[in-house]
Protein backbone atom coordinates (compact mmCIF):
# COMPACT_ATOMS: atom_id res chain seq x y z
CA MET A 1 15.53 -5.26 -0.37
CA SER A 2 16.90 -1.99 -0.09
CA HIS A 3 18.11 -1.31 3.30
CA LYS A 4 16.22 -0.30 6.27
CA ARG A 5 14.09 2.69 6.60
CA ILE A 6 15.65 5.23 8.93
CA PRO A 7 13.40 6.26 11.84
CA LYS A 8 12.00 9.75 11.38
CA ARG A 9 13.85 11.03 14.41
CA LYS A 10 17.12 10.14 12.71
CA ALA A 11 16.25 10.89 9.10
CA ALA A 12 17.44 14.48 8.97
CA ALA A 13 20.70 13.68 10.73
CA ALA A 14 21.30 10.70 8.47
CA VAL A 15 20.78 12.74 5.32
CA GLY A 16 23.24 15.32 6.59
CA ALA A 17 25.73 12.61 7.46
CA VAL A 18 25.44 11.08 4.01
CA ALA A 19 25.99 14.46 2.40
CA ALA A 20 29.06 14.98 4.56
CA LEU A 21 30.21 11.50 3.64
CA GLY A 22 29.99 12.32 -0.05
CA ALA A 23 31.84 15.57 0.38
CA ALA A 24 34.56 13.85 2.34
CA VAL A 25 35.06 11.40 -0.48
CA ILE A 26 35.64 14.21 -2.92
CA LEU A 27 37.99 16.09 -0.64
CA LEU A 28 39.97 13.13 0.61
CA PRO A 29 43.54 13.41 -0.75
CA SER A 30 45.08 10.58 -2.68
CA ALA A 31 47.76 8.46 -1.15
CA GLY A 32 51.22 9.89 -1.53
CA ALA A 33 53.37 8.76 -4.41
CA SER A 34 56.02 6.15 -3.89
CA GLN A 35 59.19 7.43 -2.30
CA ASP A 36 61.38 4.97 -4.14
CA GLY A 37 64.43 6.71 -5.48
CA ALA A 38 63.64 9.94 -3.62
CA PRO A 39 66.29 11.80 -1.65
CA ASP A 40 66.73 10.77 1.99
CA ASP A 41 65.00 13.87 3.32
CA ALA A 42 61.97 13.29 1.09
CA ALA A 43 61.83 9.61 2.03
CA ALA A 44 61.67 10.58 5.70
CA ALA A 45 58.67 12.85 5.23
CA PRO A 46 55.37 11.23 6.35
CA ARG A 47 53.13 10.40 3.42
CA THR A 48 49.58 11.66 3.04
CA LEU A 49 47.41 8.54 3.15
CA ARG A 50 43.81 7.47 2.95
CA ALA A 51 42.64 5.49 5.98
CA GLY A 52 42.57 2.22 4.01
CA ASP A 53 46.09 2.75 2.70
CA ALA A 54 47.26 3.60 6.21
CA SER A 55 45.84 0.31 7.47
CA ASP A 56 47.73 -1.60 4.78
CA LEU A 57 50.97 0.23 5.61
CA ALA A 58 50.52 -0.50 9.32
CA THR A 59 50.19 -4.21 8.54
CA ARG A 60 53.37 -4.18 6.46
CA LEU A 61 55.32 -2.29 9.11
CA ALA A 62 54.18 -4.66 11.85
CA GLY A 63 55.92 -7.47 9.96
CA MET A 64 58.94 -5.39 8.99
CA LEU A 65 59.72 -3.94 12.44
CA GLY A 66 59.25 -7.11 14.48
CA ASP A 67 59.60 -6.63 18.24
CA ALA A 68 60.30 -2.92 17.79
CA TYR A 69 56.73 -2.35 16.54
CA ALA A 70 54.37 -1.13 19.28
CA GLY A 71 51.19 -0.39 17.37
CA ALA A 72 50.02 2.32 15.00
CA TRP A 73 47.18 4.80 14.60
CA TYR A 74 45.76 7.02 11.91
CA ASP A 75 45.89 10.81 12.27
CA GLY A 76 42.75 11.75 10.36
CA GLU A 77 43.46 15.48 10.52
CA ASP A 78 46.88 15.29 8.88
CA LYS A 79 46.09 12.06 6.96
CA ARG A 80 49.19 10.32 8.30
CA LEU A 81 49.97 6.94 9.82
CA VAL A 82 51.71 7.28 13.19
CA VAL A 83 53.78 4.22 14.13
CA ASN A 84 54.99 3.50 17.64
CA VAL A 85 58.56 2.20 17.82
CA VAL A 86 60.08 1.00 21.08
CA ARG A 87 62.53 3.52 22.45
CA GLY A 88 66.15 2.79 21.51
CA GLU A 89 65.32 1.02 18.23
CA GLY A 90 66.81 3.70 15.97
CA ALA A 91 67.34 1.48 12.95
CA MET A 92 63.73 0.31 13.00
CA ALA A 93 62.51 3.89 13.41
CA ARG A 94 64.41 4.88 10.27
CA LYS A 95 62.82 2.01 8.36
CA ALA A 96 59.36 3.16 9.39
CA ARG A 97 60.10 6.75 8.34
CA GLY A 98 61.47 5.55 5.04
CA ALA A 99 58.21 3.69 4.40
CA GLY A 100 56.27 6.92 4.81
CA ALA A 101 55.07 6.75 8.41
CA GLU A 102 55.43 9.31 11.19
CA VAL A 103 57.37 7.70 14.03
CA ARG A 104 56.81 8.08 17.76
CA GLU A 105 59.11 6.47 20.32
CA VAL A 106 57.30 4.73 23.19
CA ASP A 107 58.15 2.78 26.33
CA HIS A 108 55.89 -0.28 26.10
CA SER A 109 56.32 -2.96 23.46
CA MET A 110 53.37 -4.89 22.04
CA ALA A 111 54.63 -7.97 23.89
CA GLU A 112 54.39 -6.11 27.21
CA LEU A 113 50.93 -4.75 26.44
CA GLU A 114 49.69 -8.17 25.34
CA ALA A 115 51.10 -9.70 28.53
CA GLY A 116 49.12 -7.11 30.51
CA ALA A 117 45.96 -8.08 28.64
CA ARG A 118 46.56 -11.74 29.50
CA THR A 119 46.88 -10.82 33.16
CA LEU A 120 43.55 -9.01 33.01
CA ARG A 121 41.96 -12.06 31.38
CA THR A 122 43.30 -14.31 34.12
CA GLU A 123 42.60 -12.10 37.11
CA ALA A 124 39.80 -9.74 36.12
CA THR A 125 37.36 -11.42 33.75
CA ILE A 126 34.37 -9.69 35.31
CA PRO A 127 31.02 -9.22 33.51
CA GLY A 128 30.69 -5.57 32.55
CA THR A 129 34.38 -4.97 31.83
CA SER A 130 36.48 -4.62 28.68
CA TRP A 131 40.05 -3.86 27.68
CA ALA A 132 41.90 -3.03 24.49
CA VAL A 133 45.33 -1.74 23.52
CA ASP A 134 45.22 2.00 22.71
CA PRO A 135 48.23 2.77 20.50
CA ARG A 136 47.68 6.52 20.86
CA THR A 137 48.52 6.35 24.55
CA ASN A 138 50.70 3.20 24.37
CA LYS A 139 48.58 1.80 27.19
CA ILE A 140 45.80 -0.71 27.80
CA LEU A 141 42.40 1.02 28.02
CA VAL A 142 40.31 -0.77 30.68
CA THR A 143 36.61 0.09 30.98
CA ALA A 144 34.05 -0.95 33.59
CA ASP A 145 30.31 -0.42 33.21
CA SER A 146 27.87 0.67 35.92
CA THR A 147 27.39 -2.88 37.24
CA VAL A 148 31.01 -3.16 38.38
CA THR A 149 30.97 -1.95 41.98
CA GLY A 150 32.15 -2.89 45.46
CA ASP A 151 34.46 -5.90 45.64
CA THR A 152 34.50 -6.42 41.88
CA TRP A 153 35.59 -2.83 41.30
CA ASP A 154 38.29 -3.17 43.94
CA ARG A 155 39.50 -6.37 42.29
CA LEU A 156 39.64 -4.73 38.87
CA GLU A 157 41.38 -1.61 40.19
CA SER A 158 43.94 -3.71 42.06
CA THR A 159 44.68 -5.78 38.95
CA VAL A 160 45.18 -2.66 36.83
CA GLU A 161 47.52 -1.15 39.43
CA GLY A 162 49.45 -4.41 39.55
CA LEU A 163 50.29 -4.14 35.87
CA GLY A 164 52.73 -1.37 36.73
CA SER A 165 52.87 2.39 36.39
CA GLY A 166 51.88 3.69 32.98
CA MET A 167 50.71 0.33 31.62
CA ALA A 168 46.96 0.88 31.73
CA THR A 169 44.21 3.41 32.34
CA LEU A 170 40.91 2.56 34.03
CA LYS A 171 37.67 4.39 33.35
CA LYS A 172 34.04 3.99 34.32
CA SER A 173 31.17 3.86 31.83
CA ALA A 174 27.75 5.17 32.88
CA GLY A 175 25.90 2.53 30.86
CA THR A 176 25.74 -1.25 30.93
CA PHE A 177 27.53 -3.51 28.46
CA ARG A 178 25.03 -5.49 26.45
CA THR A 179 24.50 -6.82 22.97
CA PHE A 180 22.10 -5.24 20.53
CA ALA A 181 20.04 -7.37 18.26
CA SER A 182 18.84 -5.10 15.48
CA GLY A 183 20.72 -3.70 12.46
CA GLY A 184 21.51 -2.32 8.92
CA ASP A 185 18.49 -3.42 7.07
CA ALA A 186 16.41 -5.00 9.78
CA ILE A 187 16.06 -8.77 10.06
CA PHE A 188 13.80 -10.73 12.38
CA ALA A 189 13.51 -14.12 14.06
CA GLY A 190 11.66 -15.39 17.09
CA GLY A 191 10.56 -11.95 18.20
CA ALA A 192 14.08 -10.59 18.00
CA ARG A 193 15.43 -7.92 15.69
CA CYS A 194 18.96 -7.41 14.38
CA SER A 195 20.62 -5.73 11.42
CA LEU A 196 22.18 -7.10 8.31
CA GLY A 197 25.87 -6.37 8.10
CA PHE A 198 27.31 -7.06 4.67
CA ASN A 199 26.25 -9.18 1.73
CA VAL A 200 28.90 -11.75 0.90
CA THR A 201 29.51 -14.81 -1.23
CA ALA A 202 29.72 -18.06 0.71
CA GLY A 203 32.47 -20.58 0.01
CA ASP A 204 30.17 -22.62 -2.26
CA GLY A 205 29.34 -19.53 -4.35
CA SER A 206 25.87 -18.95 -2.91
CA PRO A 207 24.64 -15.46 -1.85
CA ALA A 208 24.78 -14.85 1.90
CA PHE A 209 25.24 -12.13 4.49
CA LEU A 210 27.09 -11.56 7.75
CA THR A 211 25.55 -10.38 11.00
CA ALA A 212 26.25 -10.69 14.73
CA GLY A 213 26.62 -14.19 16.15
CA HIS A 214 24.66 -13.39 19.26
CA CYS A 215 21.60 -12.68 17.14
CA VAL A 216 21.11 -16.30 16.13
CA ALA A 217 20.04 -17.29 19.60
CA ALA A 218 16.61 -16.12 18.43
CA GLY A 219 16.38 -18.78 15.72
CA ASP A 220 17.91 -20.30 12.61
CA GLU A 221 15.52 -18.77 10.06
CA TRP A 222 15.39 -15.01 9.51
CA SER A 223 13.01 -12.71 7.68
CA ASP A 224 13.29 -9.18 6.35
CA ARG A 225 9.85 -8.35 7.78
CA GLN A 226 8.57 -8.89 11.27
CA GLY A 227 6.38 -11.98 11.06
CA GLY A 228 7.31 -12.45 7.38
CA GLU A 229 8.45 -15.53 5.49
CA PRO A 230 12.09 -16.58 6.10
CA ILE A 231 14.59 -15.36 3.53
CA ALA A 232 17.85 -16.72 4.99
CA THR A 233 19.07 -19.57 7.19
CA VAL A 234 21.95 -19.63 9.65
CA GLY A 235 24.92 -21.56 8.31
CA GLN A 236 27.72 -20.79 10.80
CA ALA A 237 27.86 -18.72 13.96
CA LEU A 238 30.15 -17.93 16.87
CA PHE A 239 29.38 -16.24 20.20
CA PRO A 240 30.74 -15.88 22.80
CA GLY A 241 34.41 -16.77 22.46
CA ALA A 242 36.85 -15.67 19.75
CA GLY A 243 34.30 -13.53 17.95
CA ASP A 244 30.66 -12.47 17.49
CA PHE A 245 29.62 -13.26 13.91
CA ALA A 246 27.24 -15.40 11.88
CA LEU A 247 26.89 -16.34 8.21
CA LEU A 248 23.34 -16.65 6.87
CA THR A 249 22.69 -18.05 3.41
CA TYR A 250 19.82 -16.68 1.34
CA ASP A 251 17.14 -19.28 0.73
CA ASP A 252 16.78 -18.12 -2.88
CA PRO A 253 20.10 -18.80 -4.69
CA ALA A 254 19.14 -16.30 -7.41
CA VAL A 255 18.55 -13.43 -5.02
CA GLU A 256 20.21 -10.10 -5.73
CA ALA A 257 22.63 -9.30 -2.91
CA PRO A 258 24.61 -6.18 -3.81
CA SER A 259 27.80 -5.24 -2.03
CA GLU A 260 26.68 -1.94 -0.59
CA VAL A 261 25.33 -0.25 2.50
CA ASN A 262 21.97 1.47 2.59
CA VAL A 263 22.33 4.77 4.43
CA GLY A 264 18.78 5.94 4.00
CA GLY A 265 17.81 6.89 0.48
CA GLN A 266 21.36 6.38 -0.77
CA THR A 267 23.76 3.47 -0.91
CA VAL A 268 27.49 3.27 -0.35
CA PRO A 269 29.29 0.68 -2.51
CA VAL A 270 31.53 -1.66 -0.55
CA VAL A 271 34.91 -2.06 -2.16
CA ARG A 272 36.62 -4.60 0.05
CA ALA A 273 37.15 -5.77 3.61
CA ALA A 274 39.95 -4.13 5.61
CA ASP A 275 41.42 -4.10 9.10
CA ALA A 276 40.53 -1.13 11.28
CA THR A 277 43.18 1.32 12.47
CA ALA A 278 43.09 3.23 15.75
CA GLY A 279 42.14 6.87 15.21
CA GLN A 280 40.28 6.06 11.97
CA GLN A 281 36.97 7.82 11.28
CA VAL A 282 34.21 5.26 10.81
CA PHE A 283 30.49 5.05 10.09
CA ARG A 284 27.97 2.60 11.46
CA MET A 285 24.54 1.78 10.09
CA GLY A 286 21.80 0.09 12.09
CA SER A 287 18.12 -0.68 11.69
CA THR A 288 17.23 1.05 14.95
CA THR A 289 19.24 4.26 14.98
CA GLY A 290 20.32 4.63 11.39
CA LEU A 291 23.65 6.23 10.52
CA ALA A 292 26.21 7.26 13.14
CA ASP A 293 29.92 8.06 13.05
CA GLY A 294 32.90 8.21 15.35
CA GLN A 295 36.46 6.95 15.81
CA VAL A 296 38.24 3.67 16.41
CA LEU A 297 39.63 3.75 19.97
CA GLY A 298 41.35 0.39 20.28
CA LEU A 299 41.94 -2.99 18.66
CA ASP A 300 41.88 -6.61 19.79
CA ALA A 301 39.43 -5.65 22.51
CA THR A 302 38.11 -8.16 25.06
CA VAL A 303 34.53 -7.61 26.28
CA ASN A 304 32.95 -9.48 29.17
CA TYR A 305 29.23 -9.63 28.36
CA PRO A 306 26.73 -11.26 30.71
CA GLU A 307 26.55 -14.13 28.18
CA GLY A 308 30.30 -14.66 28.15
CA THR A 309 33.65 -13.20 27.08
CA VAL A 310 34.29 -12.18 23.48
CA THR A 311 37.81 -11.42 22.22
CA GLY A 312 39.36 -9.78 19.16
CA LEU A 313 36.89 -6.89 18.80
CA ILE A 314 37.23 -3.26 17.63
CA GLN A 315 36.46 -0.62 20.29
CA THR A 316 34.91 2.69 19.16
CA ASP A 317 33.09 5.75 20.47
CA VAL A 318 30.28 5.28 17.93
CA CYS A 319 26.82 5.04 19.51
CA ALA A 320 24.38 2.15 19.02
CA GLU A 321 21.20 0.74 20.50
CA PRO A 322 19.30 -2.55 20.65
CA GLY A 323 18.40 -3.77 17.18
CA ASP A 324 21.58 -2.37 15.66
CA SER A 325 23.45 -5.61 16.32
CA GLY A 326 25.03 -7.10 13.25
CA GLY A 327 24.94 -3.81 11.34
CA PRO A 328 27.92 -2.66 9.25
CA LEU A 329 30.91 -0.58 10.33
CA PHE A 330 32.61 1.00 7.32
CA THR A 331 34.61 3.96 6.03
CA GLN A 332 33.75 6.81 3.71
CA ASP A 333 35.81 5.24 0.96
CA GLY A 334 34.01 1.90 0.88
CA LEU A 335 35.99 -0.31 3.24
CA ALA A 336 34.05 -2.88 5.26
CA LEU A 337 35.51 -3.00 8.78
CA GLY A 338 33.13 -4.61 11.25
CA LEU A 339 29.80 -5.93 12.49
CA THR A 340 28.06 -4.36 15.48
CA SER A 341 28.45 -6.54 18.56
CA GLY A 342 27.49 -4.60 21.70
CA GLY A 343 28.43 -1.91 24.16
CA SER A 344 27.04 0.56 26.65
CA GLY A 345 25.15 3.82 26.40
CA ASP A 346 22.88 4.95 23.57
CA CYS A 347 22.66 7.54 20.81
CA THR A 348 21.37 10.22 23.18
CA VAL A 349 24.15 10.18 25.76
CA GLY A 350 26.80 8.31 23.76
CA GLY A 351 28.88 5.36 24.93
CA GLU A 352 31.25 2.63 23.80
CA THR A 353 30.44 0.18 21.01
CA PHE A 354 32.39 -2.90 20.00
CA PHE A 355 32.54 -4.47 16.55
CA GLN A 356 33.51 -7.85 15.17
CA PRO A 357 36.29 -7.37 12.56
CA VAL A 358 34.96 -8.34 9.12
CA THR A 359 38.28 -9.75 7.97
CA THR A 360 38.31 -12.27 10.81
CA ALA A 361 34.69 -13.28 10.21
CA LEU A 362 35.24 -13.78 6.48
CA GLU A 363 38.27 -15.96 7.08
CA ALA A 364 36.43 -18.05 9.66
CA VAL A 365 33.38 -18.76 7.48
CA GLY A 366 35.24 -18.96 4.16
CA ALA A 367 33.27 -16.16 2.49
CA THR A 368 34.31 -13.23 0.28
CA LEU A 369 33.09 -9.65 0.06
CA GLY A 370 33.25 -6.69 -2.28
CA ALA A 371 35.80 -6.86 -5.07
CA ASP A 372 37.11 -10.12 -3.66
CA ALA A 373 33.75 -11.71 -4.41
CA GLY A 374 34.24 -10.73 -8.03
CA ALA A 375 32.74 -13.54 -10.01
CA ASP A 376 29.91 -13.68 -7.74
CA GLY A 377 28.47 -10.52 -8.85
CA GLN A 378 28.06 -9.70 -5.34
CA ALA A 379 30.67 -7.18 -5.25
CA GLY A 380 29.09 -5.57 -8.08
CA GLY A 381 30.78 -2.43 -8.93
CA GLN A 382 32.51 -2.23 -5.77
CA ALA A 383 35.69 -3.49 -6.79
CA GLN A 384 35.65 -0.30 -8.41
CA GLY A 385 37.82 1.60 -6.42
CA ALA A 386 39.05 0.09 -3.52
CA GLY A 387 39.50 3.13 -1.87
CA GLU A 388 37.19 5.19 -3.26
CA GLY A 389 34.57 6.83 -1.60
CA THR A 390 31.89 4.56 -1.49
CA GLY A 391 31.32 3.47 1.79
CA ASP A 392 31.83 0.22 2.93
CA GLY A 393 28.48 -0.71 3.45
CA GLN A 394 28.93 -3.69 1.46
CA ALA A 395 26.32 -5.86 2.43
CA GLY A 396 24.15 -3.11 2.53
CA ALA A 397 21.79 -3.71 -0.04
CA ASP A 398 21.77 -7.03 0.89
CA GLY A 399 19.22 -7.19 -1.07
CA ARG A 400 18.33 -10.38 -1.32
CA ALA A 401 15.44 -10.46 -3.22
CA ASP A 402 14.46 -7.34 -4.00
CA ALA A 403 17.38 -5.39 -3.57
CA GLY A 404 15.22 -2.59 -3.64
CA ASP A 405 14.33 -1.71 -0.40
CA ARG A 406 12.92 -4.45 1.21
CA THR A 407 14.05 -3.11 4.26
CA GLY A 408 11.46 -0.60 4.08
CA GLY A 409 9.81 -0.60 7.29
CA GLN A 410 11.91 -3.08 8.71
CA ASP A 411 13.59 -1.25 11.11
CA VAL A 412 10.56 -0.63 12.82
CA GLY A 413 9.83 -3.46 14.92
CA ALA A 414 12.74 -5.39 14.60
CA GLY A 415 13.97 -4.11 17.59
CA GLN A 416 13.22 -6.94 19.30
CA ASP A 417 13.70 -6.10 22.55
CA GLY A 418 14.93 -2.89 22.35
CA GLY A 419 16.67 -3.00 25.37
CA GLY A 420 20.03 -3.95 25.10
CA GLY A 421 19.91 -7.28 26.09
CA HIS A 422 19.65 -9.31 23.32
CA HIS A 423 17.06 -11.56 23.32
CA GLY A 424 18.20 -14.40 24.86
CA ALA A 425 21.45 -15.90 24.76
CA PRO A 426 22.84 -13.86 22.10
CA GLU A 427 25.61 -15.93 22.17
CA ARG A 428 25.16 -19.14 20.71
CA ASN A 429 24.47 -18.44 17.38
CA GLY A 430 22.15 -15.83 16.80
CA THR A 431 21.42 -15.45 13.32
CA GLY A 432 22.85 -12.38 12.30
CA SER A 433 21.11 -9.43 12.71
CA GLY A 434 19.88 -7.15 10.29
CA ARG A 435 20.68 -7.35 6.84
CA HIS A 436 23.30 -5.03 6.72
CA SER A 437 21.77 -2.00 5.53
CA GLY A 438 23.91 0.72 4.41
CA PRO A 439 26.46 2.73 5.96
CA GLY A 440 24.37 3.82 8.62
CA SER A 441 22.35 1.02 9.55
CA GLY A 442 23.23 -0.90 12.48
CA THR A 443 24.01 0.65 15.63
CA ASP A 444 24.58 -2.00 17.90
CA SER A 445 26.17 -0.10 20.43
CA GLY A 446 27.00 -1.40 23.76
CA PRO A 447 28.92 -4.28 24.86
CA ALA A 448 25.89 -6.23 25.23
CA PRO A 449 25.16 -8.24 22.19
CA SER A 450 22.85 -5.92 20.56
CA HIS A 451 19.66 -7.49 20.26
């Protein structure tokens, strides 16, 4: 089933985005050579890195620098990893420079920022709010949607002020946080529509795919056509709580489920799963709005949806709408980063969209993706170049049975409710939304569970 068909209103933009995506892959510089054995001045020079390599370096430095590490972000313009080191930790700063990162001294340690986030969780868990650490400002970014007014706004504002000067910033969103149940290649159940995120291989070796957990509230059996025969069944799901993800196993064990994302007429091979990095350019595919792009704003975000609180998400400025839920978030070089959860706004005015990290979901359900799924065939050629320009859309094709394009008209009505609110209790286990479609499929946008 080849990913979802992109709505006509988005088709031209999607084609242009795909073309730009391909060009970016060609122009993207290779990671810098190892500095081992280089003179001290050369070792101190920041390396030119691809986003995926920057993410790997950030992970290594987090372990190497210990308490001196205060987050990192990717400078897409200069292709450098910028690492925050607590002021006064000169030795640790030199280590980070020697590893190839650009170093910035900051005032707040990760421990202090995490303590601030815990205070917000204890004193300001209000529906319609979210917070995440923004390493670019070395502060906690707190957002409130349009429903937070009066006494609840005063309570939130007072809590933020109580964290201390310079610890957090508070901003207002014009939209309403909600989940979006529609996605990559569209998938349907119980009148609801979501998007397929990425095709994966389940722990027992069977073909499966990931989508948003809030989608499964619509039912345990999902189809790739509205009113069609079921093609996959919910195996595991989580929402709300420490994530928003679901694993659905294809009913046909011989189904073709390629590791790719359908971006409308083209597919982006998914190389592997990776952790997102603040500042990173990303693409999102959804069955409702097609392909969209933007930047990662913050990590380990907490979102307070009407259905409950979800933690550990990726915050972005990528747009999304109902029906995009579950769709894939990926990079131009084939890294699978996330699954659309929810947010506020839409693709006309923009907004905030939150994503479930793929690495966390895979670990929780015991599945593999891309090159890591190797034997399974699922990864197909993706392993091919872990960094290479194929876009993460991994599950994309999802194919399932006819990897072709089953998605065809899917995206059309999936949108189950189109309106942000996901059909029901997105939370409990909603079968993952749309089949993952390619790099541009799921939009999922706002904090509300997308469906």
